[in-house]
Amino acid sequence: MKRNHLLGNILFFAGLILLWQLFYMAACDWFAWVKPYAVPNPSGVLSCFFFLLSDGTLAAAIGGSLFRVLAGFLLSVFLGVLFGVCILHSAYLNRNLKPLILGIQTLPSICWVPFAILWFGLTERAIIFVVVMGSAFGIALSIESCVKNIPPIYIQAAKTMGVDAYHMYLDVIFPAALPSFVAGLKQGWSFAWRALMSGEVMSASAGLGYTLMVGRDLADINQVMTVMLVIILIGILIDKGIFTALEYRILKKRGL
């Protein structure tokens, strides 16, 4: 069964690459709709990938981006949990702070770039700030949601048995909310990754976003496409390899 799934995946992506090549040939060769330098092609993207890999540009860009997103994401988790707990335990903050967080969460991450540059300059802190602003509030909302969705009978039973506030969180609320919390972290990671690209495109001196802009400045559409595909691939690998795997393991352990 797994072999059939793998074969199906390979055939699917091979078909996509074939369609991509046919589109390039139709647009540039057969009908001459556009100039060849304006449309990426599979062979050009593959050549660019190996070139960027061989001279160390791609490895340095990936390393810089992963460092920034990890620092920003960890800070986002801390602030998100803090805001989420505050909203849960204060009716006043729930009425006033939660709508503000909802509003800020709808703001595109790139809107924070001018603030970041004015406050921190063209530094690493500016990019990390954009990452935090792009993901912390989403994590806060997910914390509030996953705790509220815990079956009330769990908390009532714990109170009946005389469980104090500390053990209520440690032994009841946190284990019950863990699957939803991991799902919220996965969503927060996707927000952080997108926010990172916004920050790097506007202000970084190294990283995947910066490499993307270099390709634009050089009018190298294949480099632009190569970096875009690398960004997508890293996002998928981290999502599936870490968060989805962790979520699956938790659910499997609980028989779900």
Protein backbone atom coordinates (compact mmCIF):
# COMPACT_ATOMS: atom_id res chain seq x y z
CA MET A 1 0.00 0.00 0.00
CA LYS A 2 2.78 2.45 0.92
CA ARG A 3 4.59 1.60 -2.31
CA ASN A 4 1.45 2.39 -4.31
CA HIS A 5 1.08 5.70 -2.50
CA LEU A 6 4.71 6.58 -3.21
CA LEU A 7 4.31 5.68 -6.88
CA GLY A 8 1.15 7.77 -7.06
CA ASN A 9 2.95 10.77 -5.52
CA ILE A 10 5.84 10.45 -7.96
CA LEU A 11 3.50 10.23 -10.95
CA PHE A 12 1.51 13.24 -9.72
CA PHE A 13 4.54 15.52 -9.41
CA ALA A 14 6.06 14.19 -12.64
CA GLY A 15 2.81 15.14 -14.34
CA LEU A 16 2.96 18.63 -12.86
CA ILE A 17 6.52 19.10 -14.13
CA LEU A 18 5.48 17.85 -17.57
CA LEU A 19 2.58 20.32 -17.69
CA TRP A 20 4.94 23.08 -16.55
CA GLN A 21 7.36 22.25 -19.38
CA LEU A 22 4.53 22.13 -21.94
CA PHE A 23 3.26 25.52 -20.74
CA TYR A 24 6.75 26.99 -21.10
CA MET A 25 7.14 25.60 -24.60
CA ALA A 26 3.70 26.83 -25.65
CA ALA A 27 4.19 30.31 -24.19
CA CYS A 28 7.75 30.88 -25.41
CA ASP A 29 8.31 28.62 -28.43
CA TRP A 30 5.09 27.60 -30.11
CA PHE A 31 2.98 30.76 -29.82
CA ALA A 32 5.61 33.31 -28.64
CA TRP A 33 3.25 34.89 -26.13
CA VAL A 34 6.09 35.99 -23.84
CA LYS A 35 9.88 36.25 -23.88
CA PRO A 36 11.76 33.19 -22.55
CA TYR A 37 13.36 35.21 -19.72
CA ALA A 38 9.90 36.05 -18.35
CA VAL A 39 8.78 32.45 -17.71
CA PRO A 40 10.65 29.92 -15.52
CA ASN A 41 11.23 26.45 -16.91
CA PRO A 42 12.01 23.15 -15.13
CA SER A 43 15.51 22.71 -16.54
CA GLY A 44 16.46 26.32 -15.76
CA VAL A 45 15.15 26.04 -12.20
CA LEU A 46 17.04 22.77 -11.67
CA SER A 47 20.27 24.30 -13.00
CA CYS A 48 19.83 27.36 -10.79
CA PHE A 49 19.17 25.16 -7.76
CA PHE A 50 22.42 23.24 -8.18
CA PHE A 51 24.34 26.45 -8.89
CA LEU A 52 23.06 28.14 -5.71
CA LEU A 53 23.73 24.94 -3.79
CA SER A 54 27.28 24.52 -5.09
CA ASP A 55 28.46 28.05 -4.28
CA GLY A 56 26.97 27.97 -0.76
CA THR A 57 24.41 30.72 -1.37
CA LEU A 58 21.40 28.48 -0.80
CA ALA A 59 22.78 26.84 2.35
CA ALA A 60 23.62 30.23 3.88
CA ALA A 61 20.18 31.60 2.98
CA ILE A 62 18.36 28.61 4.47
CA GLY A 63 20.47 28.73 7.64
CA GLY A 64 19.86 32.45 8.14
CA SER A 65 16.12 32.13 7.59
CA LEU A 66 15.74 29.13 9.90
CA PHE A 67 17.64 30.91 12.69
CA ARG A 68 15.39 33.97 12.44
CA VAL A 69 12.13 32.03 12.26
CA LEU A 70 13.11 29.78 15.18
CA ALA A 71 13.99 32.76 17.39
CA GLY A 72 10.82 34.59 16.41
CA PHE A 73 8.60 31.53 16.75
CA LEU A 74 9.86 30.65 20.25
CA LEU A 75 9.26 34.22 21.38
CA SER A 76 5.82 34.11 19.74
CA VAL A 77 4.92 30.95 21.66
CA PHE A 78 5.93 32.57 24.96
CA LEU A 79 3.95 35.75 24.29
CA GLY A 80 1.03 33.86 22.77
CA VAL A 81 0.67 31.60 25.80
CA LEU A 82 0.95 34.64 28.09
CA PHE A 83 -1.75 36.59 26.24
CA GLY A 84 -3.96 33.51 25.96
CA VAL A 85 -3.83 32.79 29.69
CA CYS A 86 -4.54 36.44 30.49
CA ILE A 87 -7.63 36.40 28.27
CA LEU A 88 -8.85 33.18 29.88
CA HIS A 89 -8.50 34.41 33.46
CA SER A 90 -9.76 37.97 33.10
CA ALA A 91 -13.26 38.80 31.90
CA TYR A 92 -12.16 42.42 31.47
CA LEU A 93 -9.28 41.47 29.15
CA ASN A 94 -11.51 39.00 27.33
CA ARG A 95 -13.96 41.78 26.54
CA ASN A 96 -11.36 44.37 25.56
CA LEU A 97 -8.07 42.71 24.64
CA LYS A 98 -9.44 39.79 22.63
CA PRO A 99 -11.15 41.96 19.96
CA LEU A 100 -7.91 43.96 19.64
CA ILE A 101 -5.89 40.76 19.17
CA LEU A 102 -8.40 39.56 16.56
CA GLY A 103 -8.01 42.85 14.70
CA ILE A 104 -4.21 42.80 14.82
CA GLN A 105 -4.18 39.19 13.61
CA THR A 106 -5.96 40.22 10.41
CA LEU A 107 -3.25 42.78 9.64
CA PRO A 108 -0.81 41.52 6.98
CA SER A 109 2.68 40.93 8.37
CA ILE A 110 4.29 43.23 5.81
CA CYS A 111 2.52 46.18 7.46
CA TRP A 112 4.85 45.78 10.44
CA VAL A 113 7.99 46.10 8.32
CA PRO A 114 8.08 49.97 8.34
CA PHE A 115 7.68 49.96 12.13
CA ALA A 116 10.42 47.37 12.48
CA ILE A 117 12.86 49.34 10.33
CA LEU A 118 12.13 52.62 12.13
CA TRP A 119 12.44 51.07 15.58
CA PHE A 120 15.28 48.59 15.07
CA GLY A 121 16.93 49.61 11.80
CA LEU A 122 18.08 47.08 9.22
CA THR A 123 18.97 44.47 11.84
CA GLU A 124 18.10 40.91 12.81
CA ARG A 125 15.85 42.27 15.55
CA ALA A 126 13.68 44.00 12.97
CA ILE A 127 12.98 40.74 11.14
CA ILE A 128 12.35 38.82 14.37
CA PHE A 129 9.93 41.57 15.42
CA VAL A 130 7.95 41.08 12.21
CA VAL A 131 7.86 37.32 12.81
CA VAL A 132 6.59 37.79 16.37
CA MET A 133 3.89 40.26 15.33
CA GLY A 134 2.80 37.91 12.58
CA SER A 135 2.38 34.80 14.72
CA ALA A 136 2.09 35.58 18.46
CA PHE A 137 -1.51 36.76 18.33
CA GLY A 138 -2.66 33.74 16.35
CA ILE A 139 -1.10 31.47 18.98
CA ALA A 140 -2.82 33.47 21.74
CA LEU A 141 -6.21 32.97 20.11
CA SER A 142 -5.54 29.25 19.65
CA ILE A 143 -4.60 28.92 23.35
CA GLU A 144 -7.83 30.57 24.38
CA SER A 145 -9.84 28.40 22.00
CA CYS A 146 -8.27 25.05 22.89
CA VAL A 147 -8.74 25.60 26.66
CA LYS A 148 -12.35 26.70 26.21
CA ASN A 149 -13.09 23.57 24.17
CA ILE A 150 -12.05 21.23 27.00
CA PRO A 151 -15.11 19.26 28.19
CA PRO A 152 -16.29 21.00 31.39
CA ILE A 153 -16.79 17.62 33.09
CA TYR A 154 -12.98 17.22 33.31
CA ILE A 155 -12.54 20.42 35.29
CA GLN A 156 -15.61 19.79 37.44
CA ALA A 157 -14.40 16.30 38.33
CA ALA A 158 -10.95 17.65 39.22
CA LYS A 159 -12.47 20.32 41.47
CA THR A 160 -14.64 17.71 43.15
CA MET A 161 -11.47 15.75 44.00
CA GLY A 162 -9.89 18.88 45.51
CA VAL A 163 -7.27 19.54 42.83
CA ASP A 164 -5.52 22.91 43.34
CA ALA A 165 -4.96 25.48 40.58
CA TYR A 166 -1.38 24.36 39.85
CA HIS A 167 -2.23 20.69 39.40
CA MET A 168 -5.42 21.64 37.55
CA TYR A 169 -3.28 23.12 34.79
CA LEU A 170 -0.53 20.51 34.98
CA ASP A 171 -2.63 17.34 35.18
CA VAL A 172 -5.99 18.28 33.66
CA ILE A 173 -6.09 21.34 31.43
CA PHE A 174 -2.74 20.98 29.67
CA PRO A 175 -3.10 17.25 28.80
CA ALA A 176 -6.69 17.77 27.62
CA ALA A 177 -5.78 20.78 25.48
CA LEU A 178 -2.52 19.33 24.12
CA PRO A 179 -3.83 18.06 20.73
CA SER A 180 -5.53 21.38 19.98
CA PHE A 181 -2.49 23.25 21.29
CA VAL A 182 -0.20 21.43 18.84
CA ALA A 183 -2.63 22.29 16.03
CA GLY A 184 -2.45 25.93 17.14
CA LEU A 185 1.36 25.81 17.13
CA LYS A 186 1.26 24.43 13.59
CA GLN A 187 -0.90 27.35 12.51
CA GLY A 188 1.37 29.77 14.37
CA TRP A 189 4.40 28.28 12.57
CA SER A 190 2.80 28.90 9.17
CA PHE A 191 2.12 32.52 10.18
CA ALA A 192 5.72 32.90 11.39
CA TRP A 193 7.17 31.47 8.17
CA ARG A 194 5.12 33.83 6.00
CA ALA A 195 5.95 36.80 8.23
CA LEU A 196 9.65 35.95 7.97
CA MET A 197 9.52 36.16 4.19
CA SER A 198 7.83 39.58 4.44
CA GLY A 199 10.59 40.83 6.73
CA GLU A 200 13.45 39.39 4.69
CA VAL A 201 12.11 40.70 1.39
CA MET A 202 12.02 44.23 2.75
CA SER A 203 15.02 44.49 5.05
CA ALA A 204 17.31 41.42 5.19
CA SER A 205 20.88 41.27 3.93
CA ALA A 206 20.85 37.47 3.81
CA GLY A 207 18.24 34.74 3.79
CA LEU A 208 15.74 33.23 1.41
CA GLY A 209 13.74 36.44 1.07
CA TYR A 210 16.89 38.38 0.24
CA THR A 211 17.96 35.74 -2.30
CA LEU A 212 14.52 36.03 -3.87
CA MET A 213 14.98 39.77 -4.27
CA VAL A 214 18.46 39.29 -5.75
CA GLY A 215 16.89 37.11 -8.43
CA ARG A 216 14.38 39.86 -9.14
CA ASP A 217 17.09 42.53 -9.37
CA LEU A 218 19.06 40.34 -11.78
CA ALA A 219 15.90 39.65 -13.81
CA ASP A 220 16.58 35.94 -13.24
CA ILE A 221 13.12 34.39 -13.20
CA ASN A 222 14.58 30.92 -12.65
CA GLN A 223 16.28 32.03 -9.42
CA VAL A 224 13.06 33.62 -8.22
CA MET A 225 11.17 30.39 -8.90
CA THR A 226 13.91 28.27 -7.32
CA VAL A 227 13.78 30.22 -4.06
CA MET A 228 9.97 30.12 -4.03
CA LEU A 229 10.03 26.34 -4.39
CA VAL A 230 12.63 26.03 -1.62
CA ILE A 231 10.45 28.17 0.67
CA ILE A 232 7.45 25.94 -0.06
CA LEU A 233 9.47 22.75 0.44
CA ILE A 234 10.91 23.85 3.80
CA GLY A 235 7.44 24.87 4.98
CA ILE A 236 6.02 21.46 4.04
CA LEU A 237 8.92 19.53 5.58
CA ILE A 238 8.68 21.31 8.93
CA ASP A 239 4.90 21.12 8.99
CA LYS A 240 4.78 17.41 8.14
CA GLY A 241 8.02 16.33 9.79
CA ILE A 242 7.51 18.07 13.13
CA PHE A 243 4.02 19.37 13.85
CA THR A 244 1.88 16.86 11.95
CA ALA A 245 4.04 13.97 13.20
CA LEU A 246 3.78 15.23 16.79
CA GLU A 247 0.02 15.71 16.46
CA TYR A 248 -0.39 12.20 15.01
CA ARG A 249 1.71 10.68 17.80
CA ILE A 250 -0.37 12.38 20.50
CA LEU A 251 -3.66 11.32 18.94
CA LYS A 252 -2.42 7.76 18.39
CA LYS A 253 -1.27 7.52 22.00
CA ARG A 254 -4.79 8.47 23.11
CA GLY A 255 -6.41 5.98 20.76
CA LEU A 256 -7.81 8.68 18.46
